[in-house]
Amino acid sequence: MSFEHWIAFVGASVVLLLIPGPTVLLVISYSLSHGRKAARATVAGVALGDFTAMTASMLGLGLLLAASAELFTILKWIGAAYLVYLGIKLWRAPVGDLGKADTSEVRPWRIFWHTYMVTALNPKGLVFFVAFLPQFVDPARPLVTQLVIFEATFLVLATLNASMYGLLAAGARRTIRKPAVQRWVNRAGGTLLIGAGAATALMRRS
């Protein structure tokens, strides 16, 4: 592909990634609650989730979702229910002294799995990649090579974006000492995740 096609894809991807969605909300919530250890787990979940979604789109799942209202609706409700579940869980999460930390209760694999599921199960993302990528493909060049480059580029950008949000949230966590403030942060994050779940449930196919 030409450099112009690639740099246009990078610019569009950066703009899209900077807009907070359910995945970013989850990264911020876990990082605020559990610190850098959780932030690293969420970043890994985002990377693998985006890889799964993009690969599935390239293999045709995105087109199938776009064509099948029933399949889109099923996956949409699964993703929405999962976001609501995570939002309720965060709302009810216990608070404590951050100086003593709750690292014994942090299970990175669980945080990784939750973030992966939210990222990979977003039907809008699967359909989006199908509609988004072709705009930057150069028909005069080999298709597979271009798709691999686009996917690798997007994954690097998505990982950097999640890392930025995670590290900023983990750093802000140090300023949160009072249980009342922690409780407010958990409930605010939980409410946003529940709201994201509701928005996912209400979304329609393009």
Protein backbone atom coordinates (compact mmCIF):
# COMPACT_ATOMS: atom_id res chain seq x y z
CA MET A 1 0.00 0.00 0.00
CA SER A 2 1.06 3.60 -0.38
CA PHE A 3 2.28 5.64 2.57
CA GLU A 4 -0.65 8.00 2.02
CA HIS A 5 -3.18 5.18 2.53
CA TRP A 6 -1.42 4.01 5.67
CA ILE A 7 -1.05 7.44 7.29
CA ALA A 8 -4.72 8.20 6.56
CA PHE A 9 -5.65 4.95 8.30
CA VAL A 10 -3.46 5.86 11.29
CA GLY A 11 -5.06 9.29 11.61
CA ALA A 12 -8.59 7.94 11.44
CA SER A 13 -7.80 5.14 13.90
CA VAL A 14 -6.30 7.54 16.45
CA VAL A 15 -9.39 9.75 16.37
CA LEU A 16 -11.68 6.75 16.81
CA LEU A 17 -9.64 5.21 19.62
CA LEU A 18 -9.46 8.42 21.64
CA ILE A 19 -13.26 8.48 21.94
CA PRO A 20 -14.03 6.57 25.18
CA GLY A 21 -16.18 3.48 24.67
CA PRO A 22 -17.13 0.51 26.89
CA THR A 23 -13.61 -0.94 26.68
CA VAL A 24 -11.94 2.31 27.77
CA LEU A 25 -14.46 2.71 30.60
CA LEU A 26 -13.56 -0.77 31.82
CA VAL A 27 -9.84 -0.02 31.62
CA ILE A 28 -10.29 3.17 33.65
CA SER A 29 -12.55 1.52 36.23
CA TYR A 30 -10.23 -1.42 36.90
CA SER A 31 -7.14 0.80 36.95
CA LEU A 32 -8.73 3.17 39.46
CA SER A 33 -9.87 0.27 41.64
CA HIS A 34 -6.75 -1.91 41.55
CA GLY A 35 -3.85 0.13 40.17
CA ARG A 36 -1.13 -0.70 37.64
CA LYS A 37 -1.38 -4.46 38.01
CA ALA A 38 -4.96 -4.33 36.80
CA ALA A 39 -4.07 -1.77 34.12
CA ARG A 40 -1.58 -4.19 32.55
CA ALA A 41 -4.20 -6.95 32.53
CA THR A 42 -6.80 -4.71 30.87
CA VAL A 43 -4.34 -3.61 28.19
CA ALA A 44 -3.62 -7.25 27.33
CA GLY A 45 -7.36 -7.92 27.19
CA VAL A 46 -7.94 -4.97 24.86
CA ALA A 47 -5.13 -6.09 22.52
CA LEU A 48 -6.38 -9.67 22.25
CA GLY A 49 -10.01 -8.55 22.03
CA ASP A 50 -9.31 -6.17 19.17
CA PHE A 51 -7.23 -8.84 17.45
CA THR A 52 -10.14 -11.29 17.74
CA ALA A 53 -12.69 -8.76 16.47
CA MET A 54 -10.58 -7.63 13.51
CA THR A 55 -9.63 -11.17 12.51
CA ALA A 56 -13.24 -12.33 12.80
CA SER A 57 -14.34 -9.41 10.63
CA MET A 58 -11.76 -10.26 7.99
CA LEU A 59 -12.92 -13.87 8.01
CA GLY A 60 -16.49 -12.82 7.33
CA LEU A 61 -18.22 -12.67 10.72
CA GLY A 62 -18.69 -8.93 10.37
CA LEU A 63 -20.45 -9.37 7.04
CA LEU A 64 -22.60 -12.14 8.52
CA LEU A 65 -23.60 -9.88 11.42
CA ALA A 66 -24.43 -7.09 9.00
CA ALA A 67 -26.65 -9.43 7.00
CA SER A 68 -28.30 -11.34 9.84
CA ALA A 69 -30.52 -9.31 12.16
CA GLU A 70 -31.02 -12.30 14.45
CA LEU A 71 -27.31 -13.00 14.94
CA PHE A 72 -26.56 -9.32 15.47
CA THR A 73 -29.33 -9.07 18.08
CA ILE A 74 -28.14 -12.17 19.96
CA LEU A 75 -24.54 -10.97 20.16
CA LYS A 76 -25.72 -7.46 21.03
CA TRP A 77 -27.75 -8.68 24.01
CA ILE A 78 -24.93 -10.92 25.24
CA GLY A 79 -22.51 -7.97 25.16
CA ALA A 80 -25.03 -5.62 26.78
CA ALA A 81 -25.83 -8.06 29.59
CA TYR A 82 -22.13 -8.60 30.27
CA LEU A 83 -21.49 -4.85 30.54
CA VAL A 84 -24.41 -4.44 32.95
CA TYR A 85 -23.11 -7.36 35.03
CA LEU A 86 -19.65 -5.78 35.26
CA GLY A 87 -21.20 -2.39 36.10
CA ILE A 88 -23.23 -3.87 38.98
CA LYS A 89 -20.17 -5.75 40.21
CA LEU A 90 -18.09 -2.57 40.23
CA TRP A 91 -20.91 -0.60 41.92
CA ARG A 92 -20.96 -3.13 44.76
CA ALA A 93 -17.17 -3.53 45.01
CA PRO A 94 -15.80 -3.12 48.55
CA VAL A 95 -13.55 -0.20 49.40
CA GLY A 96 -10.66 0.01 51.80
CA ASP A 97 -7.36 1.64 52.64
CA LEU A 98 -5.40 2.08 49.42
CA GLY A 99 -2.23 2.36 51.40
CA LYS A 100 -2.63 -1.26 52.46
CA ALA A 101 -3.98 -2.14 48.99
CA ASP A 102 -6.15 -5.00 47.99
CA THR A 103 -3.60 -6.72 45.77
CA SER A 104 -4.33 -10.09 47.35
CA GLU A 105 -7.80 -9.92 45.84
CA VAL A 106 -6.62 -8.81 42.42
CA ARG A 107 -6.80 -11.63 39.90
CA PRO A 108 -5.20 -10.34 36.70
CA TRP A 109 -6.46 -13.25 34.61
CA ARG A 110 -10.04 -12.42 35.60
CA ILE A 111 -9.60 -8.74 34.78
CA PHE A 112 -7.95 -9.73 31.49
CA TRP A 113 -10.84 -12.05 30.65
CA HIS A 114 -13.51 -9.45 31.44
CA THR A 115 -11.81 -6.83 29.26
CA TYR A 116 -11.27 -9.32 26.46
CA MET A 117 -14.93 -10.34 26.45
CA VAL A 118 -16.19 -6.75 26.37
CA THR A 119 -13.84 -5.89 23.49
CA ALA A 120 -14.33 -9.02 21.40
CA LEU A 121 -18.10 -9.35 21.93
CA ASN A 122 -18.96 -5.88 20.68
CA PRO A 123 -21.01 -6.54 17.51
CA LYS A 124 -20.75 -2.90 16.48
CA GLY A 125 -16.97 -3.31 16.43
CA LEU A 126 -17.15 -6.39 14.22
CA VAL A 127 -19.39 -4.64 11.71
CA PHE A 128 -17.37 -1.43 12.02
CA PHE A 129 -14.11 -3.08 10.97
CA VAL A 130 -15.79 -4.46 7.85
CA ALA A 131 -16.99 -0.98 6.89
CA PHE A 132 -13.87 0.87 8.07
CA LEU A 133 -10.95 -1.04 6.56
CA PRO A 134 -12.02 -1.10 2.88
CA GLN A 135 -11.92 2.71 2.75
CA PHE A 136 -8.12 2.60 3.02
CA VAL A 137 -7.37 -0.42 0.84
CA ASP A 138 -5.43 0.21 -2.35
CA PRO A 139 -7.03 -2.05 -5.00
CA ALA A 140 -3.81 -2.04 -7.01
CA ARG A 141 -1.88 -3.77 -4.18
CA PRO A 142 -2.12 -7.27 -2.64
CA LEU A 143 -5.18 -7.34 -0.35
CA VAL A 144 -3.96 -9.78 2.31
CA THR A 145 -0.71 -7.88 2.88
CA GLN A 146 -2.59 -4.62 3.36
CA LEU A 147 -5.08 -6.17 5.79
CA VAL A 148 -2.27 -7.63 7.89
CA ILE A 149 -0.52 -4.24 8.03
CA PHE A 150 -3.76 -2.45 8.92
CA GLU A 151 -4.57 -4.95 11.65
CA ALA A 152 -1.07 -4.79 13.16
CA THR A 153 -1.17 -0.98 13.05
CA PHE A 154 -4.58 -0.78 14.71
CA LEU A 155 -3.56 -3.24 17.43
CA VAL A 156 -0.45 -1.20 18.27
CA LEU A 157 -2.50 2.01 18.43
CA ALA A 158 -5.26 0.36 20.49
CA THR A 159 -2.69 -1.03 22.94
CA LEU A 160 -1.02 2.36 23.33
CA ASN A 161 -4.39 4.03 23.80
CA ALA A 162 -5.49 1.57 26.49
CA SER A 163 -2.09 1.87 28.19
CA MET A 164 -2.42 5.65 28.31
CA TYR A 165 -5.87 5.54 29.87
CA GLY A 166 -4.84 2.77 32.27
CA LEU A 167 -1.68 4.48 33.47
CA LEU A 168 -3.43 7.82 33.93
CA ALA A 169 -6.20 6.17 35.94
CA ALA A 170 -3.73 4.13 38.01
CA GLY A 171 -1.75 7.32 38.73
CA ALA A 172 -4.91 9.17 39.76
CA ARG A 173 -5.68 6.31 42.13
CA ARG A 174 -2.89 7.49 44.43
CA THR A 175 -4.86 10.64 45.16
CA ILE A 176 -7.92 8.65 46.20
CA ARG A 177 -7.48 7.81 49.88
CA LYS A 178 -10.84 8.18 51.57
CA PRO A 179 -13.26 5.22 51.37
CA ALA A 180 -16.08 7.63 50.53
CA VAL A 181 -14.17 8.83 47.45
CA GLN A 182 -13.34 5.26 46.43
CA ARG A 183 -16.98 4.33 46.77
CA TRP A 184 -17.98 7.29 44.59
CA VAL A 185 -15.43 6.29 41.94
CA ASN A 186 -16.68 2.68 41.92
CA ARG A 187 -20.29 3.77 41.64
CA ALA A 188 -19.56 6.32 38.94
CA GLY A 189 -17.63 3.72 36.94
CA GLY A 190 -20.34 1.12 37.54
CA THR A 191 -23.03 3.54 36.38
CA LEU A 192 -21.08 4.32 33.20
CA LEU A 193 -20.65 0.62 32.43
CA ILE A 194 -24.36 -0.04 33.02
CA GLY A 195 -25.11 2.92 30.76
CA ALA A 196 -22.77 1.49 28.11
CA GLY A 197 -24.62 -1.81 28.41
CA ALA A 198 -27.96 -0.04 27.92
CA ALA A 199 -26.58 1.84 24.90
CA THR A 200 -25.33 -1.44 23.43
CA ALA A 201 -28.77 -3.00 23.90
CA LEU A 202 -30.44 -0.06 22.11
CA MET A 203 -28.02 0.16 19.19
CA ARG A 204 -29.12 -0.88 15.72
CA ARG A 205 -27.29 -2.20 12.71
CA SER A 206 -26.04 0.46 10.33
